[in-house]
Amino acid sequence: MDAVQLQKEVTLIKEMIEKTRRATAESGHLLIYIGLFSALATTAIGLLEIFQQYQLIMPTIILMTIVNALIGFLVATRKTNNNGAISYPKTIFWQTWMACGLTTILIVFLFPNLGLYPVRAVPILAALLLGIAVFLTGTIFELRFIQLSSLVWWIAALLMSLIVSPYSFLIMVAAILIGWTLPGFILHRNYKQRS
């Protein structure tokens, strides 16, 4: 392969990444919608714990999981490149979130019920995993501010492990709003400025 052909291929790959980045920027909606709904559901779960309505916690978690999966599915099936093809970076993005999402389901639903760790560890482990997913998203699309958003998740995990309080759910709500929803708004704003 000569230098000219190599340069053409590198340019083509960069164009694909840029197109995918733009489509994902428009999909800042994904982060916004899932973030706002998750913040609302997490607040509801925290309040249910405070008011000792334990029988409603699991149905709320299940509802949050189903709605977030539905939002992700709708955004994934709606957003494709102009020719209908899905680019390689976008495929990696969706597979990363699918893998992390399925792992989070195991962390939230299965492992605590098997007695592997206390329920109190669930949001801590989930935040650690979500930090990885956010970091990889920023890496895939070469968006530094998304990579930095992963720090919010890891700091939240640390704080939740150190602070034992009925109001510690507010740390998770803050992580969702700052580490997910805010980057979604930034992505969407950047997309609008380019359009």
Protein backbone atom coordinates (compact mmCIF):
# COMPACT_ATOMS: atom_id res chain seq x y z
CA MET A 1 0.00 0.00 0.00
CA ASP A 2 1.52 3.31 -1.02
CA ALA A 3 1.44 6.54 0.99
CA VAL A 4 -1.32 8.12 -1.13
CA GLN A 5 -3.64 5.12 -0.68
CA LEU A 6 -2.87 5.02 3.04
CA GLN A 7 -3.66 8.74 3.36
CA LYS A 8 -6.99 8.23 1.54
CA GLU A 9 -7.94 5.41 3.89
CA VAL A 10 -7.00 7.43 6.98
CA THR A 11 -9.06 10.35 5.64
CA LEU A 12 -12.03 8.04 5.00
CA ILE A 13 -11.81 6.61 8.54
CA LYS A 14 -11.66 10.12 10.03
CA GLU A 15 -14.71 11.15 7.96
CA MET A 16 -16.62 8.11 9.23
CA ILE A 17 -15.71 8.95 12.83
CA GLU A 18 -16.76 12.57 12.30
CA LYS A 19 -20.11 11.53 10.77
CA THR A 20 -20.69 9.13 13.63
CA ARG A 21 -19.68 11.79 16.13
CA ARG A 22 -22.22 14.16 14.60
CA ALA A 23 -24.93 11.51 14.68
CA THR A 24 -24.02 10.72 18.27
CA ALA A 25 -23.97 14.41 19.09
CA GLU A 26 -27.50 14.56 17.84
CA SER A 27 -27.99 11.50 20.01
CA GLY A 28 -27.03 13.70 22.90
CA HIS A 29 -30.74 13.06 23.25
CA LEU A 30 -29.88 9.53 24.40
CA LEU A 31 -27.85 10.84 27.33
CA ILE A 32 -30.42 13.53 28.09
CA TYR A 33 -33.48 11.27 28.04
CA ILE A 34 -31.90 8.37 29.91
CA GLY A 35 -30.21 10.77 32.31
CA LEU A 36 -33.34 12.69 33.23
CA PHE A 37 -35.45 9.55 33.59
CA SER A 38 -32.75 7.79 35.64
CA ALA A 39 -32.35 10.82 37.93
CA LEU A 40 -36.11 10.86 38.49
CA ALA A 41 -36.29 7.10 39.12
CA THR A 42 -33.25 7.17 41.43
CA THR A 43 -34.85 9.97 43.43
CA ALA A 44 -38.05 7.91 43.67
CA ILE A 45 -36.06 4.86 44.84
CA GLY A 46 -34.24 6.96 47.46
CA LEU A 47 -37.51 8.39 48.76
CA LEU A 48 -39.10 4.94 48.85
CA GLU A 49 -36.21 3.78 51.03
CA ILE A 50 -36.53 6.78 53.34
CA PHE A 51 -40.28 6.21 53.73
CA GLN A 52 -39.71 2.44 54.08
CA GLN A 53 -41.84 1.49 51.09
CA TYR A 54 -39.51 -1.40 50.29
CA GLN A 55 -42.11 -3.36 48.30
CA LEU A 56 -42.09 -0.59 45.64
CA ILE A 57 -38.32 -0.36 45.21
CA MET A 58 -37.79 -3.39 42.97
CA PRO A 59 -40.73 -2.54 40.65
CA THR A 60 -39.30 0.98 40.30
CA ILE A 61 -35.85 -0.41 39.46
CA ILE A 62 -37.38 -2.79 36.92
CA LEU A 63 -39.39 0.06 35.36
CA MET A 64 -36.24 2.22 35.15
CA THR A 65 -34.35 -0.63 33.46
CA ILE A 66 -37.12 -1.30 30.91
CA VAL A 67 -37.67 2.38 30.05
CA ASN A 68 -33.92 3.04 29.68
CA ALA A 69 -33.54 -0.04 27.45
CA LEU A 70 -36.48 1.13 25.35
CA ILE A 71 -35.02 4.63 25.01
CA GLY A 72 -31.66 3.16 23.98
CA PHE A 73 -33.32 0.82 21.47
CA LEU A 74 -35.39 3.62 19.92
CA VAL A 75 -32.38 5.92 19.58
CA ALA A 76 -30.18 3.10 18.23
CA THR A 77 -32.65 2.09 15.56
CA ARG A 78 -33.41 5.67 14.54
CA LYS A 79 -29.87 7.00 14.19
CA THR A 80 -27.97 5.78 11.14
CA ASN A 81 -25.70 7.44 8.61
CA ASN A 82 -27.26 9.02 5.54
CA ASN A 83 -26.84 5.84 3.48
CA GLY A 84 -28.44 3.69 6.20
CA ALA A 85 -25.17 2.03 7.20
CA ILE A 86 -23.92 2.00 10.75
CA SER A 87 -20.28 3.00 11.09
CA TYR A 88 -17.67 0.98 12.97
CA PRO A 89 -17.28 3.54 15.82
CA LYS A 90 -21.03 3.60 16.29
CA THR A 91 -21.12 -0.20 16.39
CA ILE A 92 -18.43 -0.20 19.08
CA PHE A 93 -20.34 2.50 20.97
CA TRP A 94 -23.58 0.47 21.04
CA GLN A 95 -21.79 -2.77 21.86
CA THR A 96 -19.93 -1.09 24.72
CA TRP A 97 -23.19 0.17 26.19
CA MET A 98 -24.92 -3.15 25.62
CA ALA A 99 -22.13 -5.02 27.43
CA CYS A 100 -22.07 -2.51 30.29
CA GLY A 101 -25.87 -2.46 30.45
CA LEU A 102 -26.12 -6.24 30.70
CA THR A 103 -23.38 -6.28 33.34
CA THR A 104 -25.22 -3.58 35.29
CA ILE A 105 -28.37 -5.73 35.20
CA LEU A 106 -26.38 -8.59 36.76
CA ILE A 107 -24.92 -6.21 39.36
CA VAL A 108 -28.35 -4.81 40.27
CA PHE A 109 -30.63 -7.83 40.06
CA LEU A 110 -28.78 -11.13 40.29
CA PHE A 111 -25.62 -10.88 42.37
CA PRO A 112 -27.09 -9.17 45.46
CA ASN A 113 -29.89 -11.77 45.52
CA LEU A 114 -27.26 -14.52 45.45
CA GLY A 115 -25.68 -12.89 48.52
CA LEU A 116 -22.42 -12.02 46.78
CA TYR A 117 -22.47 -8.53 48.28
CA PRO A 118 -24.87 -6.31 50.22
CA VAL A 119 -27.51 -4.24 48.43
CA ARG A 120 -25.66 -1.12 49.64
CA ALA A 121 -22.84 -2.00 47.19
CA VAL A 122 -25.15 -1.97 44.15
CA PRO A 123 -25.03 1.77 43.34
CA ILE A 124 -21.29 1.86 44.02
CA LEU A 125 -20.56 -0.98 41.60
CA ALA A 126 -23.00 0.42 39.04
CA ALA A 127 -21.31 3.84 39.19
CA LEU A 128 -17.88 2.26 38.66
CA LEU A 129 -19.13 0.39 35.60
CA LEU A 130 -20.96 3.42 34.19
CA GLY A 131 -17.75 5.42 34.59
CA ILE A 132 -16.02 2.88 32.36
CA ALA A 133 -18.80 3.07 29.75
CA VAL A 134 -18.72 6.88 29.73
CA PHE A 135 -14.91 6.89 29.46
CA LEU A 136 -14.99 4.46 26.52
CA THR A 137 -17.67 6.55 24.82
CA GLY A 138 -15.44 9.61 25.02
CA THR A 139 -12.52 7.56 23.70
CA ILE A 140 -14.47 6.10 20.77
CA PHE A 141 -15.65 9.51 19.59
CA GLU A 142 -12.51 11.40 20.61
CA LEU A 143 -14.48 13.70 22.89
CA ARG A 144 -12.31 14.67 25.84
CA PHE A 145 -15.12 16.23 27.90
CA ILE A 146 -17.03 12.93 27.75
CA GLN A 147 -13.92 11.09 28.93
CA LEU A 148 -13.60 13.55 31.80
CA SER A 149 -17.26 12.99 32.70
CA SER A 150 -16.28 9.48 33.75
CA LEU A 151 -14.48 11.04 36.72
CA VAL A 152 -17.86 12.14 38.06
CA TRP A 153 -18.98 8.49 38.19
CA TRP A 154 -15.81 7.27 39.89
CA ILE A 155 -15.88 10.09 42.44
CA ALA A 156 -19.56 9.32 43.10
CA ALA A 157 -18.69 5.65 43.68
CA LEU A 158 -16.01 6.68 46.16
CA LEU A 159 -18.34 9.10 47.97
CA MET A 160 -21.15 6.53 48.15
CA SER A 161 -18.72 4.01 49.65
CA LEU A 162 -17.63 6.50 52.32
CA ILE A 163 -20.95 8.18 53.14
CA VAL A 164 -23.58 6.00 54.77
CA SER A 165 -26.77 8.02 54.88
CA PRO A 166 -30.38 7.65 53.83
CA TYR A 167 -29.71 10.60 51.52
CA SER A 168 -26.69 9.09 49.76
CA PHE A 169 -28.95 8.45 46.75
CA LEU A 170 -28.48 12.18 46.06
CA ILE A 171 -24.85 11.43 45.17
CA MET A 172 -26.06 9.05 42.45
CA VAL A 173 -28.60 11.61 41.23
CA ALA A 174 -25.82 14.21 41.00
CA ALA A 175 -23.61 11.74 39.10
CA ILE A 176 -26.43 11.06 36.64
CA LEU A 177 -27.12 14.75 36.07
CA ILE A 178 -23.46 15.85 35.86
CA GLY A 179 -21.90 12.72 34.36
CA TRP A 180 -24.62 11.85 31.84
CA THR A 181 -27.23 14.52 31.27
CA LEU A 182 -24.87 17.53 31.17
CA PRO A 183 -22.62 15.89 28.53
CA GLY A 184 -25.78 15.11 26.55
CA PHE A 185 -26.75 18.78 26.56
CA ILE A 186 -23.18 19.75 25.56
CA LEU A 187 -23.20 17.21 22.70
CA HIS A 188 -26.55 18.49 21.50
CA ARG A 189 -25.47 22.13 21.70
CA ASN A 190 -22.27 21.38 19.76
CA TYR A 191 -24.30 19.56 17.13
CA LYS A 192 -26.69 22.51 16.76
CA GLN A 193 -23.75 24.92 16.37
CA ARG A 194 -22.29 22.80 13.55
CA SER A 195 -25.62 22.48 11.72
